[in-house]
């Protein structure tokens, strides 16, 4: 663990790997230390945002001794996201990877995913665990509007668009799962460390 100052009111903790970042994030939220106003996990980092009156040196000294859980999700079952695999880019992904359309679907649905971090838009989770055979580049020309619920891949990540937005990821299918709901607590279905499994659906 490496702790760095990040401006006047924050510390950036470099954990070295994704699982450690998730465990530290869970531990800090559980500890609810006075003076800590927000915790923002990244793929291998955790940003600890403090109250301007907090003593950052004291906070930094406490971090290495903070007990962290063995499992950030406490053994919770994966979130299952149903997918109808009829995406606009499915055939192109098959061509780029040299796989059949059915094999692309099989590999995507059989992988075990973990939410690395949230970003881009509210509820948008960057999912690690994508089969390396499906690592393809983003589209050269992004779409101006990707429908909410679109299941997509880009590089080493998989994701589900929680709302209609521009985007350049390759679309494999669509889901009815509500990724972002302001009437729900918390609004986001996903959070860093959440395990995810995609479940193929048959067309109705």
N, C-alpha and C. Protein backbone atom coordinates (compact mmCIF):
# COMPACT_ATOMS: atom_id res chain seq x y z
N UNK A 1 0.84 -1.19 0.00
CA UNK A 1 0.00 0.00 0.00
C UNK A 1 0.89 1.25 0.00
N UNK A 2 0.56 2.20 -0.88
CA UNK A 2 1.29 3.46 -0.95
C UNK A 2 0.27 4.58 -0.82
N UNK A 3 0.51 5.49 0.12
CA UNK A 3 -0.42 6.58 0.39
C UNK A 3 0.20 7.90 -0.06
N UNK A 4 -0.49 8.61 -0.94
CA UNK A 4 -0.01 9.87 -1.49
C UNK A 4 -1.00 10.99 -1.19
N UNK A 5 -0.49 12.20 -1.05
CA UNK A 5 -1.39 13.36 -0.93
C UNK A 5 -2.00 13.65 -2.29
N UNK A 6 -3.27 13.99 -2.29
CA UNK A 6 -3.98 14.35 -3.52
C UNK A 6 -4.65 15.70 -3.28
N UNK A 7 -3.87 16.76 -3.37
CA UNK A 7 -4.38 18.08 -3.06
C UNK A 7 -4.40 18.33 -1.56
N UNK A 8 -5.18 19.30 -1.15
CA UNK A 8 -5.20 19.70 0.26
C UNK A 8 -6.18 18.91 1.11
N UNK A 9 -7.09 18.17 0.48
CA UNK A 9 -8.13 17.51 1.27
C UNK A 9 -8.35 16.06 0.90
N UNK A 10 -7.36 15.41 0.32
CA UNK A 10 -7.57 14.01 -0.08
C UNK A 10 -6.26 13.23 -0.07
N UNK A 11 -6.41 11.92 0.05
CA UNK A 11 -5.30 10.99 -0.04
C UNK A 11 -5.60 9.99 -1.15
N UNK A 12 -4.58 9.65 -1.92
CA UNK A 12 -4.72 8.61 -2.94
C UNK A 12 -3.94 7.39 -2.47
N UNK A 13 -4.66 6.30 -2.28
CA UNK A 13 -4.03 5.06 -1.81
C UNK A 13 -3.85 4.14 -3.01
N UNK A 14 -2.61 3.79 -3.31
CA UNK A 14 -2.31 2.85 -4.38
C UNK A 14 -2.24 1.46 -3.76
N UNK A 15 -3.17 0.60 -4.15
CA UNK A 15 -3.27 -0.73 -3.54
C UNK A 15 -2.51 -1.80 -4.30
N UNK A 16 -2.26 -1.57 -5.59
CA UNK A 16 -1.51 -2.55 -6.38
C UNK A 16 -2.35 -3.55 -7.13
N UNK A 17 -3.60 -3.75 -6.71
CA UNK A 17 -4.48 -4.65 -7.47
C UNK A 17 -5.94 -4.33 -7.18
N UNK A 18 -6.79 -4.86 -8.02
CA UNK A 18 -8.22 -4.56 -7.98
C UNK A 18 -8.87 -5.06 -6.70
N UNK A 19 -8.61 -6.31 -6.31
CA UNK A 19 -9.25 -6.88 -5.13
C UNK A 19 -8.91 -6.09 -3.87
N UNK A 20 -7.65 -5.68 -3.75
CA UNK A 20 -7.24 -4.91 -2.58
C UNK A 20 -7.94 -3.56 -2.53
N UNK A 21 -8.13 -2.94 -3.68
CA UNK A 21 -8.84 -1.66 -3.73
C UNK A 21 -10.28 -1.83 -3.26
N UNK A 22 -10.92 -2.91 -3.68
CA UNK A 22 -12.30 -3.18 -3.27
C UNK A 22 -12.39 -3.44 -1.77
N UNK A 23 -11.43 -4.19 -1.23
CA UNK A 23 -11.46 -4.49 0.20
C UNK A 23 -11.23 -3.23 1.04
N UNK A 24 -10.31 -2.38 0.58
CA UNK A 24 -10.05 -1.14 1.31
C UNK A 24 -11.26 -0.21 1.25
N UNK A 25 -11.89 -0.13 0.10
CA UNK A 25 -13.10 0.68 -0.05
C UNK A 25 -14.18 0.20 0.93
N UNK A 26 -14.39 -1.11 0.98
CA UNK A 26 -15.40 -1.67 1.90
C UNK A 26 -15.04 -1.38 3.35
N UNK A 27 -13.75 -1.51 3.69
CA UNK A 27 -13.32 -1.28 5.07
C UNK A 27 -13.50 0.17 5.48
N UNK A 28 -13.17 1.10 4.61
CA UNK A 28 -13.31 2.52 4.93
C UNK A 28 -14.78 2.91 5.09
N UNK A 29 -15.63 2.37 4.25
CA UNK A 29 -17.06 2.69 4.37
C UNK A 29 -17.65 2.11 5.65
N UNK A 30 -17.18 0.93 6.02
CA UNK A 30 -17.65 0.30 7.25
C UNK A 30 -17.13 1.06 8.47
N UNK A 31 -15.87 1.50 8.42
CA UNK A 31 -15.27 2.20 9.56
C UNK A 31 -15.89 3.57 9.79
N UNK A 32 -16.30 4.24 8.70
CA UNK A 32 -16.92 5.57 8.81
C UNK A 32 -16.11 6.50 9.71
N UNK A 33 -14.82 6.65 9.40
CA UNK A 33 -13.95 7.49 10.21
C UNK A 33 -14.41 8.94 10.22
N UNK A 34 -14.40 9.60 11.35
CA UNK A 34 -14.70 11.03 11.39
C UNK A 34 -13.69 11.79 10.51
N UNK A 35 -14.18 12.74 9.75
CA UNK A 35 -13.32 13.53 8.89
C UNK A 35 -13.24 13.02 7.47
N UNK A 36 -13.66 11.77 7.23
CA UNK A 36 -13.68 11.23 5.87
C UNK A 36 -15.06 11.47 5.28
N UNK A 37 -15.12 12.24 4.20
CA UNK A 37 -16.42 12.63 3.63
C UNK A 37 -16.78 11.83 2.39
N UNK A 38 -15.79 11.17 1.75
CA UNK A 38 -16.11 10.35 0.59
C UNK A 38 -14.96 9.37 0.33
N UNK A 39 -15.31 8.24 -0.27
CA UNK A 39 -14.34 7.23 -0.66
C UNK A 39 -14.63 6.86 -2.10
N UNK A 40 -13.64 7.01 -2.98
CA UNK A 40 -13.85 6.78 -4.41
C UNK A 40 -12.86 5.72 -4.89
N UNK A 41 -13.31 4.48 -5.10
CA UNK A 41 -12.39 3.43 -5.55
C UNK A 41 -12.13 3.51 -7.05
N UNK A 42 -10.91 3.18 -7.45
CA UNK A 42 -10.55 3.02 -8.85
C UNK A 42 -10.15 1.58 -9.08
N UNK A 43 -9.48 1.31 -10.20
CA UNK A 43 -9.13 -0.07 -10.50
C UNK A 43 -8.03 -0.59 -9.57
N UNK A 44 -7.06 0.25 -9.23
CA UNK A 44 -6.01 -0.15 -8.29
C UNK A 44 -5.72 0.95 -7.28
N UNK A 45 -6.67 1.84 -7.09
CA UNK A 45 -6.49 2.96 -6.17
C UNK A 45 -7.78 3.22 -5.40
N UNK A 46 -7.64 3.93 -4.28
CA UNK A 46 -8.79 4.41 -3.53
C UNK A 46 -8.50 5.86 -3.16
N UNK A 47 -9.39 6.75 -3.56
CA UNK A 47 -9.27 8.16 -3.20
C UNK A 47 -10.06 8.40 -1.93
N UNK A 48 -9.39 8.88 -0.90
CA UNK A 48 -10.04 9.17 0.39
C UNK A 48 -10.16 10.68 0.51
N UNK A 49 -11.38 11.17 0.43
CA UNK A 49 -11.63 12.62 0.48
C UNK A 49 -11.98 12.99 1.91
N UNK A 50 -11.28 13.99 2.44
CA UNK A 50 -11.44 14.37 3.84
C UNK A 50 -12.04 15.75 3.99
N UNK A 51 -12.58 16.00 5.16
CA UNK A 51 -13.04 17.34 5.52
C UNK A 51 -11.83 18.28 5.55
N UNK A 52 -11.98 19.53 5.12
CA UNK A 52 -10.83 20.45 5.12
C UNK A 52 -10.15 20.58 6.47
N UNK A 53 -10.88 20.35 7.56
CA UNK A 53 -10.29 20.48 8.89
C UNK A 53 -9.58 19.21 9.35
N UNK A 54 -9.67 18.13 8.58
CA UNK A 54 -9.08 16.85 8.99
C UNK A 54 -7.55 16.90 8.90
N UNK A 55 -6.90 16.12 9.73
CA UNK A 55 -5.45 15.99 9.73
C UNK A 55 -5.07 14.86 8.77
N UNK A 56 -4.61 15.22 7.57
CA UNK A 56 -4.31 14.22 6.56
C UNK A 56 -3.15 13.32 6.97
N UNK A 57 -2.17 13.87 7.65
CA UNK A 57 -1.03 13.05 8.08
C UNK A 57 -1.48 11.96 9.05
N UNK A 58 -2.35 12.33 9.98
CA UNK A 58 -2.87 11.35 10.94
C UNK A 58 -3.73 10.30 10.22
N UNK A 59 -4.52 10.75 9.27
CA UNK A 59 -5.35 9.84 8.50
C UNK A 59 -4.49 8.86 7.71
N UNK A 60 -3.44 9.37 7.08
CA UNK A 60 -2.53 8.51 6.30
C UNK A 60 -1.85 7.48 7.18
N UNK A 61 -1.50 7.87 8.40
CA UNK A 61 -0.82 6.95 9.31
C UNK A 61 -1.75 5.82 9.77
N UNK A 62 -3.06 6.07 9.79
CA UNK A 62 -4.00 5.06 10.25
C UNK A 62 -4.33 4.02 9.17
N UNK A 63 -4.19 4.41 7.92
CA UNK A 63 -4.64 3.55 6.83
C UNK A 63 -3.98 2.17 6.80
N UNK A 64 -2.66 2.05 6.96
CA UNK A 64 -2.06 0.71 6.88
C UNK A 64 -2.55 -0.26 7.95
N UNK A 65 -3.06 0.26 9.05
CA UNK A 65 -3.51 -0.61 10.15
C UNK A 65 -5.01 -0.89 10.12
N UNK A 66 -5.70 -0.38 9.11
CA UNK A 66 -7.14 -0.59 9.03
C UNK A 66 -7.44 -2.05 8.68
N UNK A 67 -8.20 -2.77 9.50
CA UNK A 67 -8.56 -4.16 9.16
C UNK A 67 -9.45 -4.18 7.92
N UNK A 68 -9.10 -5.02 6.96
CA UNK A 68 -9.88 -5.11 5.74
C UNK A 68 -10.52 -6.48 5.65
N UNK A 69 -11.71 -6.57 5.06
CA UNK A 69 -12.38 -7.87 4.95
C UNK A 69 -11.69 -8.76 3.91
N UNK A 70 -11.88 -10.04 4.04
CA UNK A 70 -11.33 -10.98 3.06
C UNK A 70 -12.09 -10.90 1.75
N UNK A 71 -13.34 -10.47 1.82
CA UNK A 71 -14.21 -10.41 0.64
C UNK A 71 -15.01 -9.13 0.72
N UNK A 72 -14.80 -8.23 -0.24
CA UNK A 72 -15.47 -6.93 -0.21
C UNK A 72 -16.99 -7.05 -0.26
N UNK A 73 -17.50 -8.14 -0.85
CA UNK A 73 -18.94 -8.31 -0.99
C UNK A 73 -19.54 -9.22 0.08
N UNK A 74 -18.69 -9.67 1.01
CA UNK A 74 -19.21 -10.50 2.10
C UNK A 74 -19.82 -11.80 1.64
N UNK A 75 -19.32 -12.36 0.53
CA UNK A 75 -19.83 -13.64 0.05
C UNK A 75 -21.18 -13.54 -0.65
N UNK A 76 -21.61 -12.33 -1.01
CA UNK A 76 -22.90 -12.16 -1.67
C UNK A 76 -22.90 -12.85 -3.03
N UNK A 77 -24.07 -13.34 -3.43
CA UNK A 77 -24.22 -13.98 -4.73
C UNK A 77 -24.06 -12.95 -5.84
N UNK A 78 -23.59 -13.38 -7.02
CA UNK A 78 -23.46 -12.43 -8.14
C UNK A 78 -24.80 -11.82 -8.53
N UNK A 79 -24.76 -10.60 -8.98
CA UNK A 79 -25.94 -9.97 -9.56
C UNK A 79 -26.14 -10.56 -10.95
N UNK A 80 -27.31 -11.11 -11.21
CA UNK A 80 -27.60 -11.71 -12.51
C UNK A 80 -28.29 -10.69 -13.41
N UNK A 81 -27.73 -10.50 -14.59
CA UNK A 81 -28.29 -9.54 -15.55
C UNK A 81 -28.73 -10.30 -16.79
N UNK A 82 -30.05 -10.35 -17.05
CA UNK A 82 -30.54 -11.06 -18.24
C UNK A 82 -30.17 -10.29 -19.51
N UNK A 83 -29.78 -11.02 -20.54
CA UNK A 83 -29.36 -10.38 -21.79
C UNK A 83 -30.01 -11.07 -22.99
N UNK A 84 -30.60 -10.28 -23.85
CA UNK A 84 -31.03 -10.77 -25.16
C UNK A 84 -29.90 -10.42 -26.13
N UNK A 85 -29.21 -11.44 -26.62
CA UNK A 85 -28.03 -11.22 -27.46
C UNK A 85 -28.44 -10.98 -28.91
N UNK A 86 -28.80 -9.74 -29.21
CA UNK A 86 -29.18 -9.35 -30.57
C UNK A 86 -28.54 -8.01 -30.94
N UNK A 87 -27.36 -7.74 -30.37
CA UNK A 87 -26.72 -6.44 -30.54
C UNK A 87 -26.27 -6.15 -31.96
N UNK A 88 -26.22 -4.86 -32.26
CA UNK A 88 -25.86 -4.41 -33.61
C UNK A 88 -24.43 -4.80 -34.00
N UNK A 89 -23.56 -4.97 -33.01
CA UNK A 89 -22.15 -5.25 -33.32
C UNK A 89 -21.79 -6.72 -33.11
N UNK A 90 -22.74 -7.57 -32.84
CA UNK A 90 -22.43 -8.97 -32.53
C UNK A 90 -21.73 -9.66 -33.70
N UNK A 91 -22.22 -9.46 -34.91
CA UNK A 91 -21.60 -10.09 -36.07
C UNK A 91 -20.20 -9.52 -36.32
N UNK A 92 -20.03 -8.23 -36.09
CA UNK A 92 -18.72 -7.63 -36.29
C UNK A 92 -17.72 -8.14 -35.26
N UNK A 93 -18.15 -8.29 -34.02
CA UNK A 93 -17.27 -8.85 -32.99
C UNK A 93 -16.87 -10.27 -33.36
N UNK A 94 -17.81 -11.04 -33.90
CA UNK A 94 -17.49 -12.40 -34.34
C UNK A 94 -16.43 -12.37 -35.43
N UNK A 95 -16.57 -11.44 -36.36
CA UNK A 95 -15.58 -11.33 -37.44
C UNK A 95 -14.22 -10.91 -36.90
N UNK A 96 -14.20 -9.93 -36.01
CA UNK A 96 -12.93 -9.41 -35.48
C UNK A 96 -12.19 -10.45 -34.64
N UNK A 97 -12.94 -11.30 -33.95
CA UNK A 97 -12.31 -12.29 -33.07
C UNK A 97 -12.07 -13.64 -33.75
N UNK A 98 -12.67 -13.84 -34.90
CA UNK A 98 -12.55 -15.11 -35.58
C UNK A 98 -13.41 -16.20 -34.97
N UNK A 99 -14.39 -15.80 -34.17
CA UNK A 99 -15.29 -16.74 -33.52
C UNK A 99 -16.65 -16.72 -34.19
N UNK A 100 -17.43 -17.75 -33.97
CA UNK A 100 -18.80 -17.73 -34.46
C UNK A 100 -19.63 -16.81 -33.57
N UNK A 101 -20.78 -16.41 -34.07
CA UNK A 101 -21.70 -15.58 -33.29
C UNK A 101 -22.09 -16.29 -31.99
N UNK A 102 -22.41 -17.59 -32.09
CA UNK A 102 -22.80 -18.34 -30.90
C UNK A 102 -21.65 -18.45 -29.90
N UNK A 103 -20.41 -18.57 -30.38
CA UNK A 103 -19.27 -18.68 -29.48
C UNK A 103 -19.00 -17.37 -28.77
N UNK A 104 -19.21 -16.24 -29.46
CA UNK A 104 -19.08 -14.94 -28.80
C UNK A 104 -20.07 -14.85 -27.64
N UNK A 105 -21.30 -15.23 -27.89
CA UNK A 105 -22.33 -15.20 -26.85
C UNK A 105 -21.95 -16.14 -25.70
N UNK A 106 -21.51 -17.35 -26.03
CA UNK A 106 -21.17 -18.33 -25.00
C UNK A 106 -20.04 -17.81 -24.11
N UNK A 107 -19.01 -17.28 -24.73
CA UNK A 107 -17.86 -16.80 -23.96
C UNK A 107 -18.24 -15.58 -23.11
N UNK A 108 -19.06 -14.70 -23.65
CA UNK A 108 -19.46 -13.52 -22.89
C UNK A 108 -20.32 -13.92 -21.69
N UNK A 109 -21.24 -14.85 -21.89
CA UNK A 109 -22.18 -15.23 -20.83
C UNK A 109 -21.56 -16.17 -19.80
N UNK A 110 -20.48 -16.84 -20.14
CA UNK A 110 -19.90 -17.81 -19.21
C UNK A 110 -18.84 -17.21 -18.30
N UNK A 111 -18.44 -15.97 -18.56
CA UNK A 111 -17.38 -15.35 -17.76
C UNK A 111 -17.93 -14.87 -16.41
N UNK A 112 -17.03 -14.80 -15.43
CA UNK A 112 -17.37 -14.26 -14.11
C UNK A 112 -16.81 -12.85 -14.01
N UNK A 113 -17.68 -11.88 -13.83
CA UNK A 113 -17.29 -10.47 -13.86
C UNK A 113 -17.27 -9.85 -12.47
N UNK A 114 -16.47 -8.81 -12.33
CA UNK A 114 -16.43 -8.00 -11.11
C UNK A 114 -16.44 -6.54 -11.51
N UNK A 115 -17.22 -5.73 -10.81
CA UNK A 115 -17.25 -4.30 -11.08
C UNK A 115 -15.95 -3.68 -10.57
N UNK A 116 -15.13 -3.19 -11.49
CA UNK A 116 -13.86 -2.56 -11.09
C UNK A 116 -14.12 -1.20 -10.47
N UNK A 117 -14.92 -0.40 -11.16
CA UNK A 117 -15.24 0.94 -10.66
C UNK A 117 -16.41 1.48 -11.48
N UNK A 118 -17.01 2.57 -11.01
CA UNK A 118 -18.10 3.22 -11.72
C UNK A 118 -17.58 4.50 -12.36
N UNK A 119 -18.12 4.83 -13.53
CA UNK A 119 -17.68 6.05 -14.19
C UNK A 119 -18.47 6.30 -15.45
N UNK A 120 -18.10 7.33 -16.18
CA UNK A 120 -18.71 7.72 -17.46
C UNK A 120 -20.10 8.31 -17.27
N UNK A 121 -20.99 7.56 -16.63
CA UNK A 121 -22.34 8.06 -16.34
C UNK A 121 -22.84 7.35 -15.09
N UNK A 122 -23.84 7.91 -14.39
CA UNK A 122 -24.32 7.28 -13.15
C UNK A 122 -24.74 5.83 -13.36
N UNK A 123 -24.16 4.94 -12.56
CA UNK A 123 -24.50 3.53 -12.62
C UNK A 123 -23.75 2.72 -13.66
N UNK A 124 -22.82 3.37 -14.40
CA UNK A 124 -22.06 2.66 -15.44
C UNK A 124 -20.89 1.95 -14.78
N UNK A 125 -20.94 0.62 -14.73
CA UNK A 125 -19.88 -0.15 -14.10
C UNK A 125 -18.93 -0.74 -15.12
N UNK A 126 -17.64 -0.53 -14.91
CA UNK A 126 -16.61 -1.16 -15.74
C UNK A 126 -16.35 -2.55 -15.18
N UNK A 127 -16.70 -3.58 -15.94
CA UNK A 127 -16.63 -4.95 -15.46
C UNK A 127 -15.37 -5.64 -15.97
N UNK A 128 -14.58 -6.17 -15.05
CA UNK A 128 -13.43 -6.98 -15.42
C UNK A 128 -13.83 -8.44 -15.46
N UNK A 129 -13.01 -9.25 -16.13
CA UNK A 129 -13.30 -10.68 -16.24
C UNK A 129 -13.68 -11.12 -17.64
N UNK A 130 -13.72 -10.17 -18.58
CA UNK A 130 -14.07 -10.51 -19.96
C UNK A 130 -13.05 -11.48 -20.54
N UNK A 131 -13.54 -12.50 -21.22
CA UNK A 131 -12.67 -13.48 -21.88
C UNK A 131 -11.70 -12.73 -22.80
N UNK A 132 -10.38 -12.99 -22.69
CA UNK A 132 -9.40 -12.29 -23.55
C UNK A 132 -9.69 -12.44 -25.04
N UNK A 133 -10.35 -13.53 -25.44
CA UNK A 133 -10.67 -13.72 -26.85
C UNK A 133 -11.66 -12.67 -27.36
N UNK A 134 -12.34 -12.00 -26.43
CA UNK A 134 -13.34 -10.99 -26.81
C UNK A 134 -12.82 -9.57 -26.65
N UNK A 135 -11.53 -9.40 -26.39
CA UNK A 135 -10.98 -8.06 -26.27
C UNK A 135 -10.88 -7.41 -27.65
N UNK A 136 -11.77 -6.50 -27.93
CA UNK A 136 -11.78 -5.78 -29.20
C UNK A 136 -11.78 -4.29 -28.93
N UNK A 137 -11.27 -3.53 -29.87
CA UNK A 137 -11.20 -2.08 -29.72
C UNK A 137 -12.59 -1.45 -29.82
N UNK A 138 -12.70 -0.24 -29.31
CA UNK A 138 -13.93 0.52 -29.49
C UNK A 138 -14.17 0.79 -30.97
N UNK A 139 -15.37 1.16 -31.31
CA UNK A 139 -15.69 1.55 -32.67
C UNK A 139 -14.90 2.80 -33.06
N UNK A 140 -14.49 2.87 -34.31
CA UNK A 140 -13.76 4.05 -34.77
C UNK A 140 -14.65 5.29 -34.73
N UNK A 141 -15.93 5.09 -34.98
CA UNK A 141 -16.88 6.19 -34.95
C UNK A 141 -17.95 5.90 -33.90
N UNK A 142 -17.90 6.59 -32.74
CA UNK A 142 -18.89 6.33 -31.69
C UNK A 142 -20.31 6.66 -32.15
N UNK A 143 -21.27 5.97 -31.58
CA UNK A 143 -22.67 6.30 -31.83
C UNK A 143 -23.05 7.54 -31.03
N UNK A 144 -23.94 8.34 -31.58
CA UNK A 144 -24.39 9.54 -30.85
C UNK A 144 -25.38 9.18 -29.76
N UNK A 145 -26.04 8.01 -29.88
CA UNK A 145 -27.00 7.61 -28.86
C UNK A 145 -27.05 6.09 -28.77
N UNK A 146 -26.64 5.57 -27.61
CA UNK A 146 -26.73 4.14 -27.33
C UNK A 146 -27.91 3.94 -26.38
N UNK A 147 -28.85 3.04 -26.69
CA UNK A 147 -30.02 2.87 -25.83
C UNK A 147 -29.66 2.37 -24.43
N UNK A 148 -30.45 2.78 -23.45
CA UNK A 148 -30.30 2.26 -22.09
C UNK A 148 -30.47 0.75 -22.10
N UNK A 149 -29.65 0.06 -21.31
CA UNK A 149 -29.73 -1.39 -21.24
C UNK A 149 -28.84 -2.11 -22.23
N UNK A 150 -28.13 -1.36 -23.08
CA UNK A 150 -27.25 -1.99 -24.06
C UNK A 150 -26.09 -2.67 -23.35
N UNK A 151 -25.85 -3.93 -23.70
CA UNK A 151 -24.74 -4.72 -23.14
C UNK A 151 -23.60 -4.64 -24.13
N UNK A 152 -22.42 -4.22 -23.65
CA UNK A 152 -21.36 -3.88 -24.58
C UNK A 152 -20.00 -4.31 -24.06
N UNK A 153 -19.02 -4.34 -24.97
CA UNK A 153 -17.63 -4.63 -24.61
C UNK A 153 -16.72 -3.64 -25.31
N UNK A 154 -15.55 -3.40 -24.70
CA UNK A 154 -14.51 -2.56 -25.28
C UNK A 154 -13.20 -2.85 -24.57
N UNK A 155 -12.17 -3.21 -25.31
CA UNK A 155 -10.91 -3.56 -24.68
C UNK A 155 -11.12 -4.71 -23.71
N UNK A 156 -10.61 -4.61 -22.48
CA UNK A 156 -10.74 -5.70 -21.51
C UNK A 156 -12.02 -5.64 -20.68
N UNK A 157 -12.92 -4.68 -20.99
CA UNK A 157 -14.08 -4.46 -20.13
C UNK A 157 -15.40 -4.85 -20.80
N UNK A 158 -16.36 -5.19 -19.95
CA UNK A 158 -17.75 -5.34 -20.34
C UNK A 158 -18.55 -4.32 -19.55
N UNK A 159 -19.75 -4.00 -20.03
CA UNK A 159 -20.57 -3.00 -19.34
C UNK A 159 -22.01 -3.09 -19.82
N UNK A 160 -22.88 -2.43 -19.07
CA UNK A 160 -24.27 -2.23 -19.47
C UNK A 160 -24.55 -0.73 -19.36
N UNK A 161 -25.02 -0.13 -20.45
CA UNK A 161 -25.33 1.30 -20.41
C UNK A 161 -26.58 1.52 -19.54
N UNK A 162 -26.46 2.27 -18.45
CA UNK A 162 -27.61 2.46 -17.57
C UNK A 162 -28.63 3.46 -18.10
N UNK A 163 -28.20 4.30 -19.03
CA UNK A 163 -29.10 5.30 -19.59
C UNK A 163 -28.70 5.58 -21.04
N UNK A 164 -29.58 6.19 -21.79
CA UNK A 164 -29.28 6.54 -23.18
C UNK A 164 -28.16 7.57 -23.21
N UNK A 165 -27.12 7.30 -23.98
CA UNK A 165 -25.98 8.21 -24.02
C UNK A 165 -25.13 7.92 -25.24
N UNK A 166 -24.24 8.84 -25.63
CA UNK A 166 -23.29 8.52 -26.69
C UNK A 166 -22.36 7.40 -26.22
N UNK A 167 -21.77 6.69 -27.17
CA UNK A 167 -20.86 5.62 -26.77
C UNK A 167 -20.23 4.92 -27.95
N UNK A 168 -19.02 4.42 -27.75
CA UNK A 168 -18.30 3.75 -28.82
C UNK A 168 -18.01 2.28 -28.56
N UNK A 169 -18.63 1.72 -27.51
CA UNK A 169 -18.40 0.31 -27.21
C UNK A 169 -19.16 -0.57 -28.20
N UNK A 170 -18.72 -1.81 -28.35
CA UNK A 170 -19.36 -2.77 -29.26
C UNK A 170 -20.58 -3.38 -28.58
N UNK A 171 -21.73 -3.29 -29.22
CA UNK A 171 -22.98 -3.73 -28.62
C UNK A 171 -23.26 -5.20 -28.94
N UNK A 172 -23.38 -6.00 -27.87
CA UNK A 172 -23.66 -7.43 -28.03
C UNK A 172 -25.12 -7.77 -27.81
N UNK A 173 -25.82 -6.96 -27.02
CA UNK A 173 -27.21 -7.27 -26.72
C UNK A 173 -27.85 -6.19 -25.88
N UNK A 174 -28.95 -6.55 -25.24
CA UNK A 174 -29.67 -5.58 -24.41
C UNK A 174 -30.29 -6.28 -23.21
N UNK A 175 -30.46 -5.52 -22.15
CA UNK A 175 -31.00 -6.07 -20.90
C UNK A 175 -32.13 -5.20 -20.38
N UNK A 176 -33.07 -5.84 -19.68
CA UNK A 176 -34.18 -5.13 -19.05
C UNK A 176 -33.82 -4.69 -17.63
N UNK A 177 -32.66 -5.11 -17.13
CA UNK A 177 -32.30 -4.81 -15.74
C UNK A 177 -32.14 -3.30 -15.53
N UNK A 178 -32.77 -2.73 -14.50
CA UNK A 178 -32.63 -1.29 -14.22
C UNK A 178 -31.31 -1.01 -13.51
N UNK A 179 -30.31 -0.56 -14.26
CA UNK A 179 -28.99 -0.32 -13.68
C UNK A 179 -28.98 0.92 -12.79
N UNK A 180 -29.83 1.90 -13.11
CA UNK A 180 -29.86 3.15 -12.34
C UNK A 180 -31.31 3.53 -12.09
N UNK A 181 -31.66 3.71 -10.82
CA UNK A 181 -33.03 4.05 -10.44
C UNK A 181 -32.98 5.00 -9.26
N UNK A 182 -33.34 6.26 -9.47
CA UNK A 182 -33.21 7.27 -8.42
C UNK A 182 -34.16 7.01 -7.26
N UNK A 183 -35.17 6.15 -7.45
CA UNK A 183 -36.09 5.84 -6.35
C UNK A 183 -35.59 4.69 -5.50
N UNK A 184 -34.46 4.08 -5.89
CA UNK A 184 -33.90 2.94 -5.17
C UNK A 184 -32.75 3.42 -4.29
N UNK A 185 -32.49 2.72 -3.20
CA UNK A 185 -31.38 3.06 -2.32
C UNK A 185 -30.48 1.84 -2.13
N UNK A 186 -29.26 1.89 -2.66
CA UNK A 186 -28.70 2.97 -3.47
C UNK A 186 -29.25 2.94 -4.90
N UNK A 187 -29.16 4.05 -5.62
CA UNK A 187 -29.73 4.11 -6.98
C UNK A 187 -29.05 3.16 -7.96
N UNK A 188 -27.76 2.91 -7.78
CA UNK A 188 -27.01 2.06 -8.71
C UNK A 188 -27.15 0.59 -8.34
N UNK A 189 -27.49 -0.25 -9.33
CA UNK A 189 -27.56 -1.68 -9.09
C UNK A 189 -26.18 -2.25 -8.80
N UNK A 190 -25.16 -1.65 -9.40
CA UNK A 190 -23.79 -2.12 -9.27
C UNK A 190 -22.96 -1.19 -8.39
N UNK A 191 -21.94 -1.76 -7.76
CA UNK A 191 -21.00 -0.96 -6.99
C UNK A 191 -19.63 -1.64 -7.10
N UNK A 192 -18.55 -0.93 -6.85
CA UNK A 192 -17.23 -1.55 -6.96
C UNK A 192 -17.14 -2.81 -6.09
N UNK A 193 -16.67 -3.89 -6.70
CA UNK A 193 -16.54 -5.16 -5.99
C UNK A 193 -17.70 -6.11 -6.23
N UNK A 194 -18.82 -5.60 -6.75
CA UNK A 194 -19.97 -6.47 -7.02
C UNK A 194 -19.61 -7.49 -8.10
N UNK A 195 -19.98 -8.74 -7.87
CA UNK A 195 -19.81 -9.77 -8.89
C UNK A 195 -21.05 -9.79 -9.78
N UNK A 196 -20.82 -10.05 -11.05
CA UNK A 196 -21.90 -9.98 -12.06
C UNK A 196 -21.84 -11.21 -12.95
N UNK A 197 -23.03 -11.70 -13.29
CA UNK A 197 -23.13 -12.79 -14.26
C UNK A 197 -24.21 -12.45 -15.27
N UNK A 198 -23.91 -12.62 -16.56
CA UNK A 198 -24.88 -12.37 -17.62
C UNK A 198 -25.61 -13.67 -17.95
N UNK A 199 -26.93 -13.58 -18.04
CA UNK A 199 -27.77 -14.76 -18.28
C UNK A 199 -28.49 -14.58 -19.61
N UNK A 200 -28.19 -15.43 -20.60
CA UNK A 200 -28.85 -15.29 -21.91
C UNK A 200 -30.36 -15.48 -21.80
N UNK A 201 -31.08 -14.67 -22.56
CA UNK A 201 -32.54 -14.77 -22.65
C UNK A 201 -32.93 -15.18 -24.06
N UNK A 202 -34.02 -15.91 -24.16
CA UNK A 202 -34.56 -16.26 -25.47
C UNK A 202 -35.48 -15.14 -25.95
N UNK A 203 -35.51 -14.85 -27.26
CA UNK A 203 -36.44 -13.83 -27.78
C UNK A 203 -37.87 -14.21 -27.45
N UNK A 204 -38.67 -13.22 -27.10
CA UNK A 204 -40.08 -13.50 -26.77
C UNK A 204 -40.94 -13.51 -28.01
